[in-house]
Amino acid sequence: MKIEKISLEKLKMYENNAKEHPDWQVKQIMKSIEEFGFNDPIAVDENNEIIEGHGRYLALKELGIKSCDCIRLSHLTENQKRAYIIAHNKLTMNTGFNSEILAYEMNALKVDNFDLSVLGFGEAELNSIFNNFEDDDEDEPEIIQPEKKLITCPLCGGEFEK
């Protein structure tokens, strides 16, 4: 996968993008970019038409940024582009959060006085998360760690964890 720096002036919004990006959401994306940097390149086709990243594009324009990192997806057919635009947006919406882990992580940020407004949650959502955290009888949620796998090097016979 190749990342290219492309001028925002050369990028084109896909006119039939069904995902809505109201002003309040673009402002949330702007705050995220300001806090964390631009870490999620926009995907474009061979004509610089945006396949995914419309909200980020709008936020970058509002921030006055002139160019950004993009991933070129020139291997997709027109139907695959259309389908990927829909799938990329829908697949992230298909699941929610583990409420216990979310509350635990957000509480850790809150204790350290981290600005929670950059996370994209509204005030009512934050209140609900923290009310659930305070009502929980357990001190910490169980966080499942991935199982470690032992690998043996075929050349030297040394063992290491993957």
N, C-alpha and C. Protein backbone atom coordinates (compact mmCIF):
# COMPACT_ATOMS: atom_id res chain seq x y z
N MET A 1 0.86 -1.17 0.00
CA MET A 1 0.00 0.00 0.00
C MET A 1 0.90 1.23 0.00
N LYS A 2 0.65 2.12 -0.92
CA LYS A 2 1.47 3.32 -1.06
C LYS A 2 0.69 4.54 -0.57
N ILE A 3 1.37 5.35 0.22
CA ILE A 3 0.76 6.59 0.70
C ILE A 3 1.35 7.74 -0.08
N GLU A 4 0.48 8.60 -0.61
CA GLU A 4 0.90 9.77 -1.38
C GLU A 4 0.40 11.04 -0.70
N LYS A 5 1.17 12.10 -0.79
CA LYS A 5 0.73 13.42 -0.30
C LYS A 5 0.04 14.09 -1.49
N ILE A 6 -1.25 14.47 -1.32
CA ILE A 6 -2.03 15.07 -2.41
C ILE A 6 -2.66 16.36 -1.91
N SER A 7 -2.64 17.38 -2.76
CA SER A 7 -3.27 18.66 -2.45
C SER A 7 -4.77 18.46 -2.32
N LEU A 8 -5.37 19.10 -1.32
CA LEU A 8 -6.83 19.00 -1.15
C LEU A 8 -7.56 19.55 -2.36
N GLU A 9 -6.96 20.52 -3.05
CA GLU A 9 -7.58 21.08 -4.25
C GLU A 9 -7.77 20.04 -5.34
N LYS A 10 -6.94 19.02 -5.35
CA LYS A 10 -7.03 17.98 -6.38
C LYS A 10 -8.02 16.87 -6.01
N LEU A 11 -8.41 16.80 -4.75
CA LEU A 11 -9.34 15.75 -4.32
C LEU A 11 -10.77 16.13 -4.66
N LYS A 12 -11.56 15.11 -5.00
CA LYS A 12 -12.97 15.32 -5.34
C LYS A 12 -13.84 14.44 -4.46
N MET A 13 -14.87 15.03 -3.91
CA MET A 13 -15.83 14.26 -3.10
C MET A 13 -16.65 13.37 -4.05
N TYR A 14 -16.93 12.15 -3.61
CA TYR A 14 -17.84 11.28 -4.35
C TYR A 14 -19.25 11.82 -4.11
N GLU A 15 -19.90 12.24 -5.18
CA GLU A 15 -21.18 12.96 -5.02
C GLU A 15 -22.31 12.10 -4.48
N ASN A 16 -22.22 10.78 -4.59
CA ASN A 16 -23.27 9.91 -4.08
C ASN A 16 -22.92 9.25 -2.75
N ASN A 17 -21.99 9.83 -2.02
CA ASN A 17 -21.65 9.28 -0.71
C ASN A 17 -22.87 9.40 0.21
N ALA A 18 -23.35 8.26 0.67
CA ALA A 18 -24.57 8.25 1.49
C ALA A 18 -24.31 8.61 2.95
N LYS A 19 -23.07 8.56 3.39
CA LYS A 19 -22.72 8.88 4.79
C LYS A 19 -22.84 10.38 4.99
N GLU A 20 -23.59 10.76 6.00
CA GLU A 20 -23.77 12.18 6.30
C GLU A 20 -22.64 12.69 7.18
N HIS A 21 -22.24 13.93 6.93
CA HIS A 21 -21.21 14.58 7.73
C HIS A 21 -21.70 15.98 8.11
N PRO A 22 -22.61 16.05 9.11
CA PRO A 22 -23.11 17.36 9.54
C PRO A 22 -21.98 18.17 10.18
N ASP A 23 -22.20 19.47 10.28
CA ASP A 23 -21.17 20.38 10.81
C ASP A 23 -20.65 19.93 12.17
N TRP A 24 -21.54 19.47 13.06
CA TRP A 24 -21.09 19.08 14.41
C TRP A 24 -20.12 17.91 14.34
N GLN A 25 -20.34 17.00 13.40
CA GLN A 25 -19.44 15.85 13.29
C GLN A 25 -18.10 16.26 12.68
N VAL A 26 -18.13 17.16 11.70
CA VAL A 26 -16.88 17.67 11.10
C VAL A 26 -16.06 18.38 12.18
N LYS A 27 -16.73 19.11 13.06
CA LYS A 27 -16.03 19.78 14.17
C LYS A 27 -15.38 18.75 15.11
N GLN A 28 -16.06 17.63 15.34
CA GLN A 28 -15.48 16.57 16.16
C GLN A 28 -14.22 16.00 15.50
N ILE A 29 -14.28 15.79 14.20
CA ILE A 29 -13.12 15.28 13.47
C ILE A 29 -11.98 16.30 13.53
N MET A 30 -12.32 17.58 13.41
CA MET A 30 -11.30 18.63 13.50
C MET A 30 -10.59 18.58 14.85
N LYS A 31 -11.38 18.45 15.93
CA LYS A 31 -10.78 18.38 17.27
C LYS A 31 -9.87 17.17 17.40
N SER A 32 -10.28 16.06 16.82
CA SER A 32 -9.47 14.85 16.87
C SER A 32 -8.15 15.05 16.12
N ILE A 33 -8.21 15.66 14.95
CA ILE A 33 -7.00 15.92 14.18
C ILE A 33 -6.08 16.87 14.93
N GLU A 34 -6.66 17.89 15.55
CA GLU A 34 -5.85 18.84 16.31
C GLU A 34 -5.18 18.17 17.51
N GLU A 35 -5.87 17.26 18.17
CA GLU A 35 -5.32 16.60 19.35
C GLU A 35 -4.32 15.50 19.01
N PHE A 36 -4.67 14.67 18.03
CA PHE A 36 -3.89 13.46 17.77
C PHE A 36 -3.07 13.52 16.48
N GLY A 37 -3.34 14.51 15.63
CA GLY A 37 -2.69 14.57 14.33
C GLY A 37 -3.55 13.87 13.28
N PHE A 38 -3.13 13.96 12.04
CA PHE A 38 -3.85 13.32 10.94
C PHE A 38 -3.24 11.94 10.72
N ASN A 39 -3.87 10.92 11.28
CA ASN A 39 -3.29 9.57 11.31
C ASN A 39 -4.04 8.56 10.46
N ASP A 40 -5.01 9.00 9.70
CA ASP A 40 -5.85 8.08 8.94
C ASP A 40 -5.98 8.60 7.51
N PRO A 41 -5.08 8.18 6.62
CA PRO A 41 -5.09 8.71 5.25
C PRO A 41 -6.43 8.53 4.55
N ILE A 42 -6.73 9.44 3.65
CA ILE A 42 -7.93 9.38 2.83
C ILE A 42 -7.66 8.42 1.67
N ALA A 43 -8.63 7.57 1.35
CA ALA A 43 -8.49 6.65 0.22
C ALA A 43 -9.11 7.29 -1.02
N VAL A 44 -8.36 7.28 -2.12
CA VAL A 44 -8.81 7.89 -3.37
C VAL A 44 -8.61 6.91 -4.52
N ASP A 45 -9.34 7.16 -5.61
CA ASP A 45 -9.16 6.34 -6.80
C ASP A 45 -8.13 6.99 -7.73
N GLU A 46 -8.00 6.45 -8.92
CA GLU A 46 -7.01 6.95 -9.88
C GLU A 46 -7.31 8.37 -10.37
N ASN A 47 -8.54 8.86 -10.15
CA ASN A 47 -8.93 10.22 -10.55
C ASN A 47 -8.99 11.17 -9.36
N ASN A 48 -8.43 10.77 -8.23
CA ASN A 48 -8.44 11.55 -6.99
C ASN A 48 -9.83 11.75 -6.41
N GLU A 49 -10.77 10.87 -6.79
CA GLU A 49 -12.09 10.92 -6.18
C GLU A 49 -12.03 10.16 -4.86
N ILE A 50 -12.59 10.75 -3.82
CA ILE A 50 -12.53 10.15 -2.49
C ILE A 50 -13.40 8.90 -2.44
N ILE A 51 -12.80 7.81 -1.97
CA ILE A 51 -13.52 6.56 -1.76
C ILE A 51 -13.91 6.45 -0.29
N GLU A 52 -12.99 6.77 0.60
CA GLU A 52 -13.32 6.84 2.02
C GLU A 52 -12.48 7.92 2.67
N GLY A 53 -13.15 8.70 3.54
CA GLY A 53 -12.47 9.80 4.20
C GLY A 53 -13.12 11.14 3.92
N HIS A 54 -14.38 11.13 3.54
CA HIS A 54 -15.08 12.38 3.23
C HIS A 54 -15.13 13.33 4.43
N GLY A 55 -15.41 12.79 5.61
CA GLY A 55 -15.45 13.63 6.82
C GLY A 55 -14.10 14.22 7.14
N ARG A 56 -13.05 13.41 7.01
CA ARG A 56 -11.69 13.91 7.26
C ARG A 56 -11.31 14.99 6.26
N TYR A 57 -11.71 14.80 5.00
CA TYR A 57 -11.46 15.80 3.96
C TYR A 57 -12.10 17.14 4.34
N LEU A 58 -13.37 17.09 4.75
CA LEU A 58 -14.08 18.32 5.14
C LEU A 58 -13.41 18.98 6.34
N ALA A 59 -12.98 18.17 7.31
CA ALA A 59 -12.31 18.71 8.50
C ALA A 59 -10.98 19.36 8.13
N LEU A 60 -10.21 18.71 7.27
CA LEU A 60 -8.92 19.27 6.85
C LEU A 60 -9.11 20.61 6.14
N LYS A 61 -10.14 20.68 5.28
CA LYS A 61 -10.43 21.94 4.59
C LYS A 61 -10.75 23.04 5.59
N GLU A 62 -11.60 22.72 6.58
CA GLU A 62 -11.97 23.70 7.61
C GLU A 62 -10.76 24.16 8.41
N LEU A 63 -9.82 23.25 8.62
CA LEU A 63 -8.61 23.59 9.38
C LEU A 63 -7.60 24.37 8.54
N GLY A 64 -7.88 24.51 7.25
CA GLY A 64 -6.97 25.27 6.38
C GLY A 64 -5.74 24.48 5.95
N ILE A 65 -5.80 23.18 6.08
CA ILE A 65 -4.68 22.33 5.66
C ILE A 65 -4.73 22.17 4.15
N LYS A 66 -3.59 22.28 3.51
CA LYS A 66 -3.52 22.32 2.04
C LYS A 66 -3.36 20.96 1.38
N SER A 67 -2.73 19.99 2.06
CA SER A 67 -2.54 18.67 1.47
C SER A 67 -2.57 17.62 2.58
N CYS A 68 -2.76 16.38 2.18
CA CYS A 68 -2.83 15.30 3.18
C CYS A 68 -2.35 13.99 2.58
N ASP A 69 -2.07 13.05 3.46
CA ASP A 69 -1.71 11.70 3.03
C ASP A 69 -2.95 11.00 2.50
N CYS A 70 -2.76 10.31 1.37
CA CYS A 70 -3.84 9.55 0.75
C CYS A 70 -3.34 8.17 0.35
N ILE A 71 -4.24 7.22 0.34
CA ILE A 71 -3.96 5.88 -0.14
C ILE A 71 -4.64 5.75 -1.49
N ARG A 72 -3.89 5.34 -2.49
CA ARG A 72 -4.43 5.19 -3.85
C ARG A 72 -5.01 3.78 -4.00
N LEU A 73 -6.31 3.70 -4.26
CA LEU A 73 -6.99 2.42 -4.48
C LEU A 73 -7.36 2.31 -5.95
N SER A 74 -6.38 2.05 -6.79
CA SER A 74 -6.62 2.01 -8.24
C SER A 74 -7.00 0.62 -8.73
N HIS A 75 -7.05 -0.36 -7.84
CA HIS A 75 -7.35 -1.73 -8.23
C HIS A 75 -8.85 -2.06 -8.22
N LEU A 76 -9.68 -1.13 -7.78
CA LEU A 76 -11.11 -1.41 -7.65
C LEU A 76 -11.88 -1.07 -8.92
N THR A 77 -12.86 -1.90 -9.26
CA THR A 77 -13.77 -1.57 -10.36
C THR A 77 -14.74 -0.49 -9.88
N GLU A 78 -15.52 0.07 -10.78
CA GLU A 78 -16.50 1.09 -10.39
C GLU A 78 -17.49 0.53 -9.37
N ASN A 79 -17.97 -0.69 -9.59
CA ASN A 79 -18.91 -1.29 -8.65
C ASN A 79 -18.25 -1.59 -7.31
N GLN A 80 -17.00 -2.03 -7.32
CA GLN A 80 -16.28 -2.26 -6.07
C GLN A 80 -16.09 -0.96 -5.30
N LYS A 81 -15.80 0.13 -6.00
CA LYS A 81 -15.66 1.44 -5.33
C LYS A 81 -16.96 1.81 -4.65
N ARG A 82 -18.05 1.71 -5.40
CA ARG A 82 -19.37 2.05 -4.86
C ARG A 82 -19.67 1.19 -3.63
N ALA A 83 -19.41 -0.11 -3.74
CA ALA A 83 -19.68 -1.03 -2.63
C ALA A 83 -18.76 -0.75 -1.44
N TYR A 84 -17.48 -0.47 -1.70
CA TYR A 84 -16.54 -0.22 -0.60
C TYR A 84 -16.90 1.06 0.15
N ILE A 85 -17.35 2.07 -0.56
CA ILE A 85 -17.77 3.32 0.09
C ILE A 85 -18.86 3.02 1.12
N ILE A 86 -19.82 2.21 0.72
CA ILE A 86 -20.91 1.85 1.64
C ILE A 86 -20.40 0.95 2.76
N ALA A 87 -19.65 -0.09 2.40
CA ALA A 87 -19.17 -1.05 3.40
C ALA A 87 -18.27 -0.39 4.43
N HIS A 88 -17.38 0.47 3.98
CA HIS A 88 -16.44 1.11 4.91
C HIS A 88 -17.19 1.87 5.99
N ASN A 89 -18.23 2.57 5.60
CA ASN A 89 -19.02 3.33 6.58
C ASN A 89 -19.90 2.43 7.44
N LYS A 90 -20.52 1.45 6.84
CA LYS A 90 -21.47 0.60 7.57
C LYS A 90 -20.78 -0.35 8.55
N LEU A 91 -19.67 -0.94 8.15
CA LEU A 91 -19.03 -1.94 8.99
C LEU A 91 -18.59 -1.38 10.34
N THR A 92 -18.18 -0.14 10.39
CA THR A 92 -17.77 0.46 11.66
C THR A 92 -18.97 0.74 12.56
N MET A 93 -20.16 0.80 11.97
CA MET A 93 -21.36 1.10 12.75
C MET A 93 -22.05 -0.17 13.26
N ASN A 94 -21.57 -1.34 12.87
CA ASN A 94 -22.25 -2.59 13.19
C ASN A 94 -22.07 -3.07 14.63
N THR A 95 -21.10 -2.53 15.34
CA THR A 95 -20.90 -2.94 16.73
C THR A 95 -20.79 -1.72 17.62
N GLY A 96 -20.96 -1.97 18.89
CA GLY A 96 -20.82 -0.90 19.87
C GLY A 96 -19.55 -1.10 20.68
N PHE A 97 -19.56 -0.57 21.89
CA PHE A 97 -18.42 -0.67 22.80
C PHE A 97 -18.72 -1.67 23.90
N ASN A 98 -17.68 -2.28 24.45
CA ASN A 98 -17.81 -3.01 25.70
C ASN A 98 -17.93 -1.93 26.77
N SER A 99 -19.10 -1.80 27.37
CA SER A 99 -19.37 -0.66 28.25
C SER A 99 -18.47 -0.63 29.48
N GLU A 100 -18.12 -1.80 30.03
CA GLU A 100 -17.25 -1.82 31.21
C GLU A 100 -15.84 -1.35 30.87
N ILE A 101 -15.30 -1.86 29.78
CA ILE A 101 -13.94 -1.46 29.39
C ILE A 101 -13.92 0.01 28.98
N LEU A 102 -14.94 0.45 28.25
CA LEU A 102 -15.01 1.85 27.84
C LEU A 102 -15.04 2.76 29.07
N ALA A 103 -15.87 2.43 30.04
CA ALA A 103 -15.97 3.25 31.26
C ALA A 103 -14.64 3.26 32.00
N TYR A 104 -14.00 2.12 32.10
CA TYR A 104 -12.71 2.03 32.79
C TYR A 104 -11.66 2.90 32.09
N GLU A 105 -11.55 2.77 30.77
CA GLU A 105 -10.56 3.54 30.01
C GLU A 105 -10.85 5.05 30.08
N MET A 106 -12.12 5.41 29.96
CA MET A 106 -12.47 6.83 30.00
C MET A 106 -12.26 7.40 31.40
N ASN A 107 -12.52 6.60 32.42
CA ASN A 107 -12.27 7.07 33.78
C ASN A 107 -10.77 7.31 34.00
N ALA A 108 -9.93 6.44 33.45
CA ALA A 108 -8.48 6.63 33.57
C ALA A 108 -8.07 7.95 32.90
N LEU A 109 -8.66 8.26 31.76
CA LEU A 109 -8.37 9.54 31.09
C LEU A 109 -8.88 10.71 31.92
N LYS A 110 -10.08 10.55 32.48
CA LYS A 110 -10.69 11.62 33.29
C LYS A 110 -9.84 11.91 34.52
N VAL A 111 -9.35 10.87 35.18
CA VAL A 111 -8.51 11.03 36.38
C VAL A 111 -7.25 11.83 36.04
N ASP A 112 -6.72 11.62 34.83
CA ASP A 112 -5.52 12.34 34.40
C ASP A 112 -5.85 13.69 33.75
N ASN A 113 -7.11 14.14 33.91
CA ASN A 113 -7.56 15.43 33.37
C ASN A 113 -7.41 15.55 31.86
N PHE A 114 -7.57 14.43 31.15
CA PHE A 114 -7.53 14.46 29.69
C PHE A 114 -8.82 15.07 29.18
N ASP A 115 -8.75 15.86 28.11
CA ASP A 115 -9.92 16.51 27.53
C ASP A 115 -10.78 15.47 26.81
N LEU A 116 -11.83 15.02 27.45
CA LEU A 116 -12.68 13.97 26.90
C LEU A 116 -13.51 14.45 25.71
N SER A 117 -13.60 15.75 25.50
CA SER A 117 -14.41 16.26 24.39
C SER A 117 -13.83 15.86 23.03
N VAL A 118 -12.56 15.49 22.96
CA VAL A 118 -11.97 15.11 21.68
C VAL A 118 -12.32 13.67 21.28
N LEU A 119 -13.02 12.94 22.15
CA LEU A 119 -13.34 11.55 21.88
C LEU A 119 -14.61 11.37 21.05
N GLY A 120 -15.39 12.43 20.90
CA GLY A 120 -16.58 12.36 20.07
C GLY A 120 -17.87 12.01 20.81
N PHE A 121 -17.81 11.89 22.12
CA PHE A 121 -19.01 11.59 22.91
C PHE A 121 -19.66 12.89 23.36
N GLY A 122 -20.99 12.93 23.33
CA GLY A 122 -21.72 14.08 23.85
C GLY A 122 -21.76 14.04 25.36
N GLU A 123 -22.21 15.15 25.95
CA GLU A 123 -22.25 15.25 27.42
C GLU A 123 -23.17 14.19 28.03
N ALA A 124 -24.33 13.96 27.42
CA ALA A 124 -25.26 12.96 27.95
C ALA A 124 -24.64 11.56 27.88
N GLU A 125 -23.92 11.27 26.80
CA GLU A 125 -23.27 9.96 26.68
C GLU A 125 -22.20 9.79 27.75
N LEU A 126 -21.40 10.84 27.97
CA LEU A 126 -20.36 10.78 29.00
C LEU A 126 -20.97 10.55 30.38
N ASN A 127 -22.05 11.28 30.68
CA ASN A 127 -22.72 11.10 31.97
C ASN A 127 -23.20 9.67 32.15
N SER A 128 -23.79 9.10 31.10
CA SER A 128 -24.28 7.73 31.16
C SER A 128 -23.13 6.75 31.38
N ILE A 129 -22.03 6.95 30.67
CA ILE A 129 -20.86 6.06 30.82
C ILE A 129 -20.33 6.11 32.24
N PHE A 130 -20.19 7.32 32.79
CA PHE A 130 -19.63 7.45 34.13
C PHE A 130 -20.60 7.01 35.21
N ASN A 131 -21.91 7.17 34.99
CA ASN A 131 -22.89 6.66 35.95
C ASN A 131 -22.83 5.14 36.01
N ASN A 132 -22.69 4.51 34.86
CA ASN A 132 -22.56 3.05 34.83
C ASN A 132 -21.27 2.60 35.50
N PHE A 133 -20.20 3.37 35.33
CA PHE A 133 -18.91 3.03 35.93
C PHE A 133 -19.01 3.10 37.45
N GLU A 134 -19.66 4.15 37.96
CA GLU A 134 -19.78 4.33 39.41
C GLU A 134 -20.71 3.31 40.04
N ASP A 135 -21.70 2.83 39.27
CA ASP A 135 -22.65 1.85 39.79
C ASP A 135 -22.09 0.43 39.79
N ASP A 136 -21.02 0.21 39.07
CA ASP A 136 -20.45 -1.13 38.94
C ASP A 136 -19.83 -1.58 40.26
N ASP A 137 -20.14 -2.80 40.69
CA ASP A 137 -19.59 -3.32 41.94
C ASP A 137 -18.13 -3.73 41.81
N GLU A 138 -17.71 -4.08 40.62
CA GLU A 138 -16.34 -4.54 40.43
C GLU A 138 -15.40 -3.34 40.36
N ASP A 139 -14.16 -3.55 40.80
CA ASP A 139 -13.16 -2.49 40.72
C ASP A 139 -12.73 -2.23 39.29
N GLU A 140 -12.45 -3.30 38.55
CA GLU A 140 -11.98 -3.17 37.18
C GLU A 140 -12.65 -4.23 36.32
N PRO A 141 -12.91 -3.90 35.06
CA PRO A 141 -13.44 -4.92 34.17
C PRO A 141 -12.34 -5.92 33.81
N GLU A 142 -12.77 -7.12 33.47
CA GLU A 142 -11.78 -8.11 33.03
C GLU A 142 -11.38 -7.77 31.60
N ILE A 143 -10.11 -7.54 31.40
CA ILE A 143 -9.59 -7.25 30.07
C ILE A 143 -8.90 -8.51 29.58
N ILE A 144 -9.40 -9.03 28.50
CA ILE A 144 -8.86 -10.28 27.98
C ILE A 144 -7.63 -9.97 27.14
N GLN A 145 -6.51 -10.56 27.53
CA GLN A 145 -5.25 -10.38 26.80
C GLN A 145 -5.16 -11.45 25.71
N PRO A 146 -4.61 -11.07 24.54
CA PRO A 146 -4.45 -12.09 23.51
C PRO A 146 -3.48 -13.18 23.98
N GLU A 147 -3.77 -14.41 23.57
CA GLU A 147 -2.91 -15.53 23.96
C GLU A 147 -1.56 -15.40 23.27
N LYS A 148 -0.48 -15.58 24.03
CA LYS A 148 0.87 -15.49 23.48
C LYS A 148 1.21 -16.83 22.84
N LYS A 149 1.89 -16.74 21.70
CA LYS A 149 2.25 -17.93 20.96
C LYS A 149 3.77 -18.04 20.92
N LEU A 150 4.30 -19.22 21.23
CA LEU A 150 5.74 -19.45 21.23
C LEU A 150 6.16 -19.91 19.84
N ILE A 151 7.13 -19.21 19.26
CA ILE A 151 7.63 -19.51 17.92
C ILE A 151 9.08 -19.98 18.04
N THR A 152 9.45 -21.01 17.30
CA THR A 152 10.83 -21.49 17.26
C THR A 152 11.44 -21.09 15.93
N CYS A 153 12.58 -20.41 15.97
CA CYS A 153 13.29 -19.99 14.77
C CYS A 153 13.87 -21.22 14.07
N PRO A 154 13.56 -21.43 12.78
CA PRO A 154 14.08 -22.61 12.08
C PRO A 154 15.59 -22.54 11.83
N LEU A 155 16.16 -21.34 11.89
CA LEU A 155 17.59 -21.19 11.61
C LEU A 155 18.46 -21.44 12.84
N CYS A 156 18.08 -20.80 13.96
CA CYS A 156 18.94 -20.89 15.15
C CYS A 156 18.34 -21.73 16.27
N GLY A 157 17.07 -22.08 16.18
CA GLY A 157 16.43 -22.87 17.21
C GLY A 157 15.97 -22.06 18.41
N GLY A 158 16.22 -20.74 18.40
CA GLY A 158 15.78 -19.88 19.49
C GLY A 158 14.27 -19.76 19.53
N GLU A 159 13.74 -19.54 20.72
CA GLU A 159 12.30 -19.40 20.87
C GLU A 159 11.95 -17.98 21.29
N PHE A 160 10.84 -17.48 20.76
CA PHE A 160 10.38 -16.15 21.12
C PHE A 160 8.87 -16.12 21.06
N GLU A 161 8.27 -15.10 21.72
CA GLU A 161 6.82 -14.96 21.73
C GLU A 161 6.37 -14.12 20.57
N LYS A 162 5.27 -14.52 19.99
CA LYS A 162 4.69 -13.75 18.89
C LYS A 162 3.59 -12.90 19.43
